[in-house]
Amino acid sequence: MSKILNYSIFILLVIQLSLLAQFAGGSGTETDPWLIRTPENLDSIRYYLGNESNNKCFKQIADIDLGIAPWNEGAGWEPIGRDSILYVVFRGSYDGNCHKIINIFINRPDEDYIGLFGLLYEPAITGLSLINVNITGGNKVGAIAGYTDFAGFTKCFITGNITGKNEI
């Protein structure tokens, strides 16, 4: 019995440590945002959606290139939060901190809610530059987000190509 208990405690510690390693630092608060330095850090935001991302803060601390594998293979980047039925959307804040995300490739012509983020609800996106985007989606397609509701954007800049069927 004690071996099982020790093993269970070990597993829980490993899980908690892996969650801490998702970001380059921070605790997700306004005064200590989670820090985004790599594509892996950026991708980890998808684990903080819906109520999990309420009032959570993220801050980019380096330029990020998504033009490398696995982010540019197959259908490319998987938009963060795009399930409108379960309302799995990004509801936090993202400060690009005047850094760039370059070479975003998304090729999902038959899918909706396509962009870096799929759906945004009440977020604040500031100081973010998306350079050389190549995004193809179905309906509700954008560079930063496919769809937004009550979102605020400040000092954001985008270059590249965006293609979709409706609501681009």
N, C-alpha and C. Protein backbone atom coordinates (compact mmCIF):
# COMPACT_ATOMS: atom_id res chain seq x y z
N MET A 1 0.82 -1.20 0.00
CA MET A 1 0.00 0.00 0.00
C MET A 1 0.86 1.25 0.00
N SER A 2 1.96 1.25 0.78
CA SER A 2 2.80 2.45 0.84
C SER A 2 3.52 2.68 -0.49
N LYS A 3 3.83 1.60 -1.25
CA LYS A 3 4.45 1.77 -2.57
C LYS A 3 3.47 2.46 -3.53
N ILE A 4 2.22 2.09 -3.45
CA ILE A 4 1.21 2.72 -4.30
C ILE A 4 1.06 4.18 -3.94
N LEU A 5 1.02 4.49 -2.66
CA LEU A 5 0.92 5.88 -2.21
C LEU A 5 2.13 6.69 -2.65
N ASN A 6 3.34 6.13 -2.47
CA ASN A 6 4.55 6.82 -2.91
C ASN A 6 4.55 7.05 -4.41
N TYR A 7 4.14 6.04 -5.17
CA TYR A 7 4.08 6.15 -6.61
C TYR A 7 3.06 7.23 -7.02
N SER A 8 1.91 7.26 -6.37
CA SER A 8 0.88 8.27 -6.66
C SER A 8 1.39 9.68 -6.38
N ILE A 9 2.07 9.86 -5.27
CA ILE A 9 2.63 11.17 -4.94
C ILE A 9 3.66 11.58 -5.97
N PHE A 10 4.51 10.64 -6.40
CA PHE A 10 5.52 10.92 -7.42
C PHE A 10 4.87 11.37 -8.72
N ILE A 11 3.84 10.68 -9.16
CA ILE A 11 3.12 11.03 -10.39
C ILE A 11 2.53 12.43 -10.29
N LEU A 12 1.91 12.75 -9.18
CA LEU A 12 1.34 14.08 -8.98
C LEU A 12 2.41 15.16 -9.03
N LEU A 13 3.56 14.92 -8.44
CA LEU A 13 4.66 15.89 -8.49
C LEU A 13 5.16 16.09 -9.92
N VAL A 14 5.29 15.01 -10.67
CA VAL A 14 5.73 15.10 -12.07
C VAL A 14 4.74 15.90 -12.89
N ILE A 15 3.46 15.66 -12.69
CA ILE A 15 2.42 16.41 -13.42
C ILE A 15 2.49 17.89 -13.07
N GLN A 16 2.62 18.21 -11.79
CA GLN A 16 2.69 19.62 -11.40
C GLN A 16 3.95 20.29 -11.94
N LEU A 17 5.07 19.61 -11.92
CA LEU A 17 6.30 20.18 -12.46
C LEU A 17 6.20 20.39 -13.97
N SER A 18 5.54 19.48 -14.68
CA SER A 18 5.39 19.66 -16.12
C SER A 18 4.48 20.84 -16.43
N LEU A 19 3.47 21.08 -15.59
CA LEU A 19 2.62 22.25 -15.79
C LEU A 19 3.41 23.54 -15.56
N LEU A 20 4.28 23.54 -14.58
CA LEU A 20 5.11 24.73 -14.34
C LEU A 20 6.06 24.99 -15.48
N ALA A 21 6.51 23.94 -16.16
CA ALA A 21 7.47 24.09 -17.25
C ALA A 21 6.82 24.56 -18.55
N GLN A 22 5.49 24.69 -18.59
CA GLN A 22 4.80 25.11 -19.80
C GLN A 22 5.17 26.52 -20.21
N PHE A 23 5.55 27.35 -19.26
CA PHE A 23 5.85 28.75 -19.55
C PHE A 23 7.26 29.08 -19.08
N ALA A 24 7.77 30.19 -19.55
CA ALA A 24 9.14 30.59 -19.22
C ALA A 24 9.22 31.28 -17.87
N GLY A 25 8.13 31.36 -17.15
CA GLY A 25 8.09 31.99 -15.83
C GLY A 25 6.72 32.58 -15.58
N GLY A 26 6.57 33.20 -14.43
CA GLY A 26 5.33 33.87 -14.07
C GLY A 26 4.32 32.96 -13.41
N SER A 27 3.24 33.58 -12.95
CA SER A 27 2.18 32.83 -12.28
C SER A 27 0.80 33.09 -12.88
N GLY A 28 0.74 33.87 -13.98
CA GLY A 28 -0.52 34.09 -14.66
C GLY A 28 -1.35 35.25 -14.17
N THR A 29 -0.78 36.04 -13.25
CA THR A 29 -1.52 37.20 -12.73
C THR A 29 -1.15 38.46 -13.52
N GLU A 30 -1.87 39.52 -13.28
CA GLU A 30 -1.60 40.79 -13.96
C GLU A 30 -0.21 41.32 -13.62
N THR A 31 0.21 41.17 -12.39
CA THR A 31 1.52 41.67 -11.97
C THR A 31 2.66 40.67 -12.22
N ASP A 32 2.31 39.41 -12.47
CA ASP A 32 3.31 38.36 -12.73
C ASP A 32 2.78 37.43 -13.82
N PRO A 33 2.65 37.94 -15.07
CA PRO A 33 2.06 37.13 -16.13
C PRO A 33 2.92 35.92 -16.49
N TRP A 34 2.27 34.90 -17.05
CA TRP A 34 3.02 33.77 -17.57
C TRP A 34 3.82 34.28 -18.76
N LEU A 35 5.07 33.87 -18.86
CA LEU A 35 5.98 34.38 -19.88
C LEU A 35 6.05 33.41 -21.05
N ILE A 36 5.95 33.99 -22.25
CA ILE A 36 5.95 33.22 -23.49
C ILE A 36 7.23 33.54 -24.25
N ARG A 37 8.10 32.53 -24.41
CA ARG A 37 9.38 32.72 -25.08
C ARG A 37 9.52 31.85 -26.33
N THR A 38 8.84 30.70 -26.36
CA THR A 38 9.03 29.71 -27.42
C THR A 38 7.69 29.31 -28.04
N PRO A 39 7.74 28.63 -29.21
CA PRO A 39 6.48 28.10 -29.76
C PRO A 39 5.77 27.16 -28.79
N GLU A 40 6.54 26.40 -28.04
CA GLU A 40 5.94 25.48 -27.07
C GLU A 40 5.22 26.24 -25.96
N ASN A 41 5.81 27.34 -25.49
CA ASN A 41 5.14 28.17 -24.48
C ASN A 41 3.83 28.71 -25.05
N LEU A 42 3.87 29.22 -26.28
CA LEU A 42 2.68 29.77 -26.94
C LEU A 42 1.61 28.69 -27.07
N ASP A 43 2.00 27.51 -27.50
CA ASP A 43 1.06 26.41 -27.68
C ASP A 43 0.42 26.00 -26.35
N SER A 44 1.12 26.17 -25.24
CA SER A 44 0.60 25.78 -23.92
C SER A 44 -0.58 26.63 -23.47
N ILE A 45 -0.78 27.78 -24.10
CA ILE A 45 -1.93 28.62 -23.73
C ILE A 45 -3.23 27.84 -23.91
N ARG A 46 -3.25 26.90 -24.85
CA ARG A 46 -4.49 26.16 -25.13
C ARG A 46 -4.98 25.35 -23.92
N TYR A 47 -4.14 25.17 -22.92
CA TYR A 47 -4.55 24.45 -21.71
C TYR A 47 -5.21 25.37 -20.69
N TYR A 48 -5.35 26.65 -21.05
CA TYR A 48 -5.96 27.64 -20.15
C TYR A 48 -7.06 28.37 -20.92
N LEU A 49 -8.13 27.66 -21.21
CA LEU A 49 -9.24 28.21 -21.99
C LEU A 49 -10.50 28.22 -21.16
N GLY A 50 -11.51 28.93 -21.65
CA GLY A 50 -12.77 29.02 -20.92
C GLY A 50 -12.55 29.65 -19.56
N ASN A 51 -13.15 29.09 -18.55
CA ASN A 51 -13.01 29.63 -17.20
C ASN A 51 -11.57 29.55 -16.69
N GLU A 52 -10.78 28.61 -17.24
CA GLU A 52 -9.37 28.49 -16.84
C GLU A 52 -8.55 29.71 -17.25
N SER A 53 -9.00 30.43 -18.28
CA SER A 53 -8.22 31.60 -18.72
C SER A 53 -8.80 32.93 -18.24
N ASN A 54 -9.92 32.88 -17.50
CA ASN A 54 -10.48 34.13 -16.95
C ASN A 54 -9.40 34.85 -16.14
N ASN A 55 -9.15 36.08 -16.51
CA ASN A 55 -8.20 36.93 -15.79
C ASN A 55 -6.76 36.40 -15.79
N LYS A 56 -6.45 35.42 -16.62
CA LYS A 56 -5.07 34.94 -16.73
C LYS A 56 -4.32 35.85 -17.69
N CYS A 57 -3.08 36.13 -17.37
CA CYS A 57 -2.28 37.07 -18.15
C CYS A 57 -1.04 36.38 -18.71
N PHE A 58 -0.77 36.68 -19.98
CA PHE A 58 0.37 36.11 -20.68
C PHE A 58 1.17 37.26 -21.28
N LYS A 59 2.50 37.15 -21.27
CA LYS A 59 3.36 38.19 -21.81
C LYS A 59 4.48 37.55 -22.63
N GLN A 60 4.57 37.97 -23.89
CA GLN A 60 5.60 37.44 -24.78
C GLN A 60 6.92 38.16 -24.49
N ILE A 61 8.01 37.40 -24.37
CA ILE A 61 9.29 38.01 -24.01
C ILE A 61 10.37 37.80 -25.08
N ALA A 62 10.00 37.26 -26.24
CA ALA A 62 10.95 37.07 -27.34
C ALA A 62 10.15 36.92 -28.63
N ASP A 63 10.81 37.17 -29.76
CA ASP A 63 10.19 36.89 -31.05
C ASP A 63 10.05 35.37 -31.18
N ILE A 64 8.96 34.93 -31.81
CA ILE A 64 8.68 33.50 -31.96
C ILE A 64 8.50 33.19 -33.44
N ASP A 65 9.21 32.18 -33.94
CA ASP A 65 9.11 31.74 -35.33
C ASP A 65 8.33 30.44 -35.38
N LEU A 66 7.15 30.49 -36.01
CA LEU A 66 6.33 29.28 -36.17
C LEU A 66 6.56 28.63 -37.54
N GLY A 67 7.58 29.10 -38.28
CA GLY A 67 7.88 28.56 -39.60
C GLY A 67 8.78 27.34 -39.55
N ILE A 68 8.76 26.62 -38.45
CA ILE A 68 9.58 25.43 -38.28
C ILE A 68 8.69 24.26 -37.86
N ALA A 69 9.19 23.05 -38.10
CA ALA A 69 8.43 21.86 -37.71
C ALA A 69 8.31 21.80 -36.19
N PRO A 70 7.20 21.34 -35.67
CA PRO A 70 6.03 20.80 -36.35
C PRO A 70 4.97 21.85 -36.67
N TRP A 71 5.23 23.10 -36.37
CA TRP A 71 4.23 24.16 -36.47
C TRP A 71 3.86 24.50 -37.91
N ASN A 72 4.70 24.15 -38.89
CA ASN A 72 4.42 24.50 -40.28
C ASN A 72 4.14 23.27 -41.13
N GLU A 73 3.89 22.14 -40.53
CA GLU A 73 3.64 20.90 -41.27
C GLU A 73 2.14 20.61 -41.35
N GLY A 74 1.75 19.85 -42.38
CA GLY A 74 0.36 19.45 -42.54
C GLY A 74 -0.57 20.65 -42.59
N ALA A 75 -1.54 20.68 -41.69
CA ALA A 75 -2.50 21.79 -41.63
C ALA A 75 -1.92 22.99 -40.88
N GLY A 76 -0.72 22.85 -40.33
CA GLY A 76 -0.06 23.97 -39.65
C GLY A 76 -0.54 24.17 -38.22
N TRP A 77 -0.45 25.41 -37.80
CA TRP A 77 -0.80 25.80 -36.42
C TRP A 77 -2.25 25.46 -36.12
N GLU A 78 -2.49 24.85 -34.98
CA GLU A 78 -3.86 24.59 -34.49
C GLU A 78 -4.29 25.81 -33.70
N PRO A 79 -5.33 26.54 -34.16
CA PRO A 79 -5.78 27.73 -33.43
C PRO A 79 -6.07 27.42 -31.97
N ILE A 80 -5.73 28.36 -31.11
CA ILE A 80 -5.94 28.20 -29.68
C ILE A 80 -7.39 28.54 -29.35
N GLY A 81 -8.15 27.57 -28.85
CA GLY A 81 -9.53 27.82 -28.42
C GLY A 81 -10.48 28.08 -29.55
N ARG A 82 -11.13 27.05 -30.05
CA ARG A 82 -12.07 27.29 -31.14
C ARG A 82 -13.29 26.39 -31.11
N ASP A 83 -13.73 26.02 -29.95
CA ASP A 83 -14.94 25.23 -29.83
C ASP A 83 -16.07 26.11 -29.32
N SER A 84 -16.88 26.61 -30.25
CA SER A 84 -17.96 27.53 -29.86
C SER A 84 -19.10 26.82 -29.14
N ILE A 85 -19.25 25.53 -29.34
CA ILE A 85 -20.34 24.81 -28.68
C ILE A 85 -20.04 24.65 -27.19
N LEU A 86 -18.84 24.25 -26.86
CA LEU A 86 -18.46 24.09 -25.45
C LEU A 86 -17.93 25.39 -24.87
N TYR A 87 -17.87 26.41 -25.69
CA TYR A 87 -17.37 27.72 -25.31
C TYR A 87 -15.96 27.64 -24.74
N VAL A 88 -15.15 26.85 -25.42
CA VAL A 88 -13.74 26.72 -25.05
C VAL A 88 -12.99 27.80 -25.82
N VAL A 89 -12.95 28.97 -25.22
CA VAL A 89 -12.37 30.15 -25.87
C VAL A 89 -11.30 30.76 -24.97
N PHE A 90 -10.47 31.61 -25.57
CA PHE A 90 -9.47 32.32 -24.78
C PHE A 90 -10.13 33.54 -24.18
N ARG A 91 -10.03 33.68 -22.84
CA ARG A 91 -10.66 34.79 -22.13
C ARG A 91 -9.66 35.59 -21.30
N GLY A 92 -8.38 35.36 -21.52
CA GLY A 92 -7.36 36.06 -20.74
C GLY A 92 -6.85 37.30 -21.46
N SER A 93 -5.64 37.73 -21.09
CA SER A 93 -5.01 38.83 -21.79
C SER A 93 -3.65 38.37 -22.32
N TYR A 94 -3.29 38.91 -23.48
CA TYR A 94 -2.01 38.56 -24.10
C TYR A 94 -1.29 39.85 -24.47
N ASP A 95 -0.13 40.05 -23.87
CA ASP A 95 0.70 41.20 -24.16
C ASP A 95 1.87 40.74 -25.02
N GLY A 96 1.86 41.15 -26.29
CA GLY A 96 2.94 40.81 -27.20
C GLY A 96 4.24 41.51 -26.84
N ASN A 97 4.14 42.54 -26.01
CA ASN A 97 5.34 43.22 -25.49
C ASN A 97 6.24 43.71 -26.62
N CYS A 98 5.60 44.13 -27.73
CA CYS A 98 6.31 44.63 -28.93
C CYS A 98 7.20 43.57 -29.58
N HIS A 99 6.89 42.29 -29.33
CA HIS A 99 7.60 41.20 -30.01
C HIS A 99 6.75 40.69 -31.16
N LYS A 100 7.36 39.87 -32.00
CA LYS A 100 6.71 39.35 -33.20
C LYS A 100 6.49 37.85 -33.09
N ILE A 101 5.43 37.41 -33.76
CA ILE A 101 5.26 36.00 -34.07
C ILE A 101 5.32 35.96 -35.60
N ILE A 102 6.28 35.22 -36.13
CA ILE A 102 6.48 35.22 -37.58
C ILE A 102 6.17 33.85 -38.17
N ASN A 103 5.82 33.90 -39.46
CA ASN A 103 5.63 32.70 -40.28
C ASN A 103 4.52 31.77 -39.77
N ILE A 104 3.39 32.35 -39.37
CA ILE A 104 2.26 31.49 -38.97
C ILE A 104 1.67 30.88 -40.24
N PHE A 105 1.62 29.56 -40.29
CA PHE A 105 1.04 28.83 -41.41
C PHE A 105 -0.15 28.04 -40.89
N ILE A 106 -1.32 28.28 -41.49
CA ILE A 106 -2.53 27.52 -41.17
C ILE A 106 -3.22 27.20 -42.49
N ASN A 107 -3.46 25.92 -42.75
CA ASN A 107 -4.15 25.50 -43.97
C ASN A 107 -5.29 24.57 -43.57
N ARG A 108 -6.44 25.18 -43.24
CA ARG A 108 -7.62 24.45 -42.79
C ARG A 108 -8.84 25.00 -43.53
N PRO A 109 -8.90 24.80 -44.87
CA PRO A 109 -9.93 25.45 -45.68
C PRO A 109 -11.36 25.01 -45.37
N ASP A 110 -11.53 23.88 -44.73
CA ASP A 110 -12.87 23.39 -44.42
C ASP A 110 -13.22 23.54 -42.94
N GLU A 111 -12.41 24.31 -42.20
CA GLU A 111 -12.64 24.50 -40.77
C GLU A 111 -12.92 25.96 -40.48
N ASP A 112 -13.68 26.21 -39.42
CA ASP A 112 -14.06 27.57 -39.03
C ASP A 112 -13.30 28.01 -37.79
N TYR A 113 -13.37 29.32 -37.51
CA TYR A 113 -12.69 29.92 -36.35
C TYR A 113 -11.18 29.69 -36.46
N ILE A 114 -10.60 30.28 -37.48
CA ILE A 114 -9.19 30.04 -37.80
C ILE A 114 -8.37 31.32 -37.62
N GLY A 115 -7.31 31.22 -36.87
CA GLY A 115 -6.34 32.29 -36.64
C GLY A 115 -5.37 31.83 -35.57
N LEU A 116 -4.50 32.71 -35.11
CA LEU A 116 -3.63 32.35 -33.99
C LEU A 116 -4.51 31.84 -32.84
N PHE A 117 -5.57 32.58 -32.55
CA PHE A 117 -6.62 32.15 -31.63
C PHE A 117 -7.87 31.87 -32.46
N GLY A 118 -8.62 30.85 -32.11
CA GLY A 118 -9.86 30.57 -32.82
C GLY A 118 -10.96 31.51 -32.38
N LEU A 119 -11.23 31.53 -31.08
CA LEU A 119 -12.27 32.37 -30.50
C LEU A 119 -11.71 33.15 -29.32
N LEU A 120 -12.03 34.43 -29.28
CA LEU A 120 -11.64 35.28 -28.15
C LEU A 120 -12.89 35.88 -27.54
N TYR A 121 -12.98 35.86 -26.24
CA TYR A 121 -14.09 36.49 -25.55
C TYR A 121 -13.53 37.37 -24.44
N GLU A 122 -13.77 38.66 -24.55
CA GLU A 122 -13.35 39.67 -23.58
C GLU A 122 -11.85 39.70 -23.30
N PRO A 123 -11.00 39.35 -24.26
CA PRO A 123 -9.58 39.44 -23.96
C PRO A 123 -9.05 40.83 -24.28
N ALA A 124 -7.84 41.09 -23.82
CA ALA A 124 -7.11 42.27 -24.23
C ALA A 124 -5.84 41.77 -24.91
N ILE A 125 -5.69 42.12 -26.17
CA ILE A 125 -4.50 41.74 -26.93
C ILE A 125 -3.75 43.03 -27.24
N THR A 126 -2.52 43.14 -26.76
CA THR A 126 -1.76 44.38 -26.94
C THR A 126 -0.36 44.08 -27.46
N GLY A 127 0.19 45.06 -28.19
CA GLY A 127 1.59 45.04 -28.60
C GLY A 127 2.03 43.80 -29.34
N LEU A 128 1.15 43.25 -30.19
CA LEU A 128 1.45 42.00 -30.88
C LEU A 128 1.60 42.25 -32.38
N SER A 129 2.69 41.77 -32.96
CA SER A 129 2.91 41.83 -34.40
C SER A 129 2.95 40.42 -34.95
N LEU A 130 2.12 40.16 -35.95
CA LEU A 130 2.14 38.89 -36.67
C LEU A 130 2.69 39.18 -38.06
N ILE A 131 3.84 38.62 -38.37
CA ILE A 131 4.55 38.93 -39.60
C ILE A 131 4.57 37.70 -40.50
N ASN A 132 4.26 37.92 -41.79
CA ASN A 132 4.30 36.87 -42.81
C ASN A 132 3.34 35.72 -42.50
N VAL A 133 2.09 36.08 -42.21
CA VAL A 133 1.09 35.03 -41.96
C VAL A 133 0.63 34.46 -43.29
N ASN A 134 0.32 33.18 -43.29
CA ASN A 134 -0.25 32.50 -44.45
C ASN A 134 -1.36 31.62 -43.90
N ILE A 135 -2.60 32.17 -43.90
CA ILE A 135 -3.71 31.54 -43.22
C ILE A 135 -4.86 31.29 -44.19
N THR A 136 -5.31 30.04 -44.25
CA THR A 136 -6.47 29.66 -45.05
C THR A 136 -7.45 28.92 -44.15
N GLY A 137 -8.69 29.37 -44.16
CA GLY A 137 -9.72 28.73 -43.36
C GLY A 137 -11.05 28.76 -44.07
N GLY A 138 -12.07 28.26 -43.43
CA GLY A 138 -13.41 28.26 -43.98
C GLY A 138 -14.11 29.56 -43.66
N ASN A 139 -14.93 29.57 -42.61
CA ASN A 139 -15.64 30.76 -42.16
C ASN A 139 -14.99 31.29 -40.89
N LYS A 140 -15.09 32.61 -40.71
CA LYS A 140 -14.55 33.27 -39.51
C LYS A 140 -13.04 33.04 -39.43
N VAL A 141 -12.33 33.76 -40.28
CA VAL A 141 -10.89 33.62 -40.42
C VAL A 141 -10.23 34.97 -40.19
N GLY A 142 -9.17 35.00 -39.40
CA GLY A 142 -8.40 36.22 -39.17
C GLY A 142 -6.98 35.87 -38.79
N ALA A 143 -6.15 36.86 -38.64
CA ALA A 143 -4.76 36.60 -38.25
C ALA A 143 -4.66 36.37 -36.74
N ILE A 144 -5.11 37.34 -35.96
CA ILE A 144 -5.05 37.17 -34.50
C ILE A 144 -6.14 36.21 -34.05
N ALA A 145 -7.35 36.36 -34.59
CA ALA A 145 -8.46 35.49 -34.18
C ALA A 145 -9.46 35.31 -35.31
N GLY A 146 -10.08 34.13 -35.33
CA GLY A 146 -11.14 33.89 -36.28
C GLY A 146 -12.42 34.61 -35.90
N TYR A 147 -12.67 34.72 -34.61
CA TYR A 147 -13.88 35.37 -34.12
C TYR A 147 -13.58 36.00 -32.76
N THR A 148 -14.12 37.20 -32.56
CA THR A 148 -13.94 37.87 -31.27
C THR A 148 -15.29 38.38 -30.76
N ASP A 149 -15.40 38.44 -29.48
CA ASP A 149 -16.59 38.99 -28.84
C ASP A 149 -16.10 39.84 -27.67
N PHE A 150 -16.37 41.13 -27.74
CA PHE A 150 -15.96 42.08 -26.71
C PHE A 150 -14.44 42.10 -26.50
N ALA A 151 -13.69 41.93 -27.59
CA ALA A 151 -12.22 41.91 -27.50
C ALA A 151 -11.66 43.31 -27.72
N GLY A 152 -10.53 43.58 -27.09
CA GLY A 152 -9.84 44.84 -27.27
C GLY A 152 -8.46 44.60 -27.84
N PHE A 153 -8.12 45.32 -28.92
CA PHE A 153 -6.81 45.20 -29.56
C PHE A 153 -6.13 46.55 -29.53
N THR A 154 -4.88 46.59 -29.07
CA THR A 154 -4.11 47.83 -29.00
C THR A 154 -2.72 47.56 -29.55
N LYS A 155 -2.27 48.43 -30.46
CA LYS A 155 -0.90 48.37 -30.99
C LYS A 155 -0.57 47.00 -31.58
N CYS A 156 -1.46 46.47 -32.40
CA CYS A 156 -1.23 45.20 -33.08
C CYS A 156 -0.97 45.46 -34.55
N PHE A 157 -0.12 44.65 -35.17
CA PHE A 157 0.31 44.84 -36.56
C PHE A 157 0.37 43.48 -37.23
N ILE A 158 -0.12 43.42 -38.50
CA ILE A 158 -0.19 42.14 -39.21
C ILE A 158 0.25 42.32 -40.66
N THR A 159 1.07 41.38 -41.17
CA THR A 159 1.38 41.32 -42.60
C THR A 159 1.20 39.88 -43.06
N GLY A 160 0.83 39.71 -44.34
CA GLY A 160 0.71 38.39 -44.92
C GLY A 160 -0.59 38.21 -45.66
N ASN A 161 -0.99 36.97 -45.84
CA ASN A 161 -2.18 36.61 -46.61
C ASN A 161 -3.15 35.80 -45.76
N ILE A 162 -4.43 36.20 -45.87
CA ILE A 162 -5.51 35.51 -45.16
C ILE A 162 -6.60 35.20 -46.18
N THR A 163 -7.01 33.94 -46.25
CA THR A 163 -8.02 33.51 -47.21
C THR A 163 -9.10 32.72 -46.49
N GLY A 164 -10.35 32.97 -46.85
CA GLY A 164 -11.46 32.23 -46.26
C GLY A 164 -12.70 32.36 -47.12
N LYS A 165 -13.79 31.73 -46.70
CA LYS A 165 -15.03 31.75 -47.45
C LYS A 165 -15.91 32.92 -47.04
N ASN A 166 -16.11 33.11 -45.74
CA ASN A 166 -16.96 34.17 -45.21
C ASN A 166 -16.36 34.71 -43.92
N GLU A 167 -16.71 35.95 -43.61
CA GLU A 167 -16.31 36.60 -42.37
C GLU A 167 -14.79 36.53 -42.15
N ILE A 168 -14.10 37.15 -43.07
CA ILE A 168 -12.63 37.19 -43.02
C ILE A 168 -12.19 38.48 -42.38
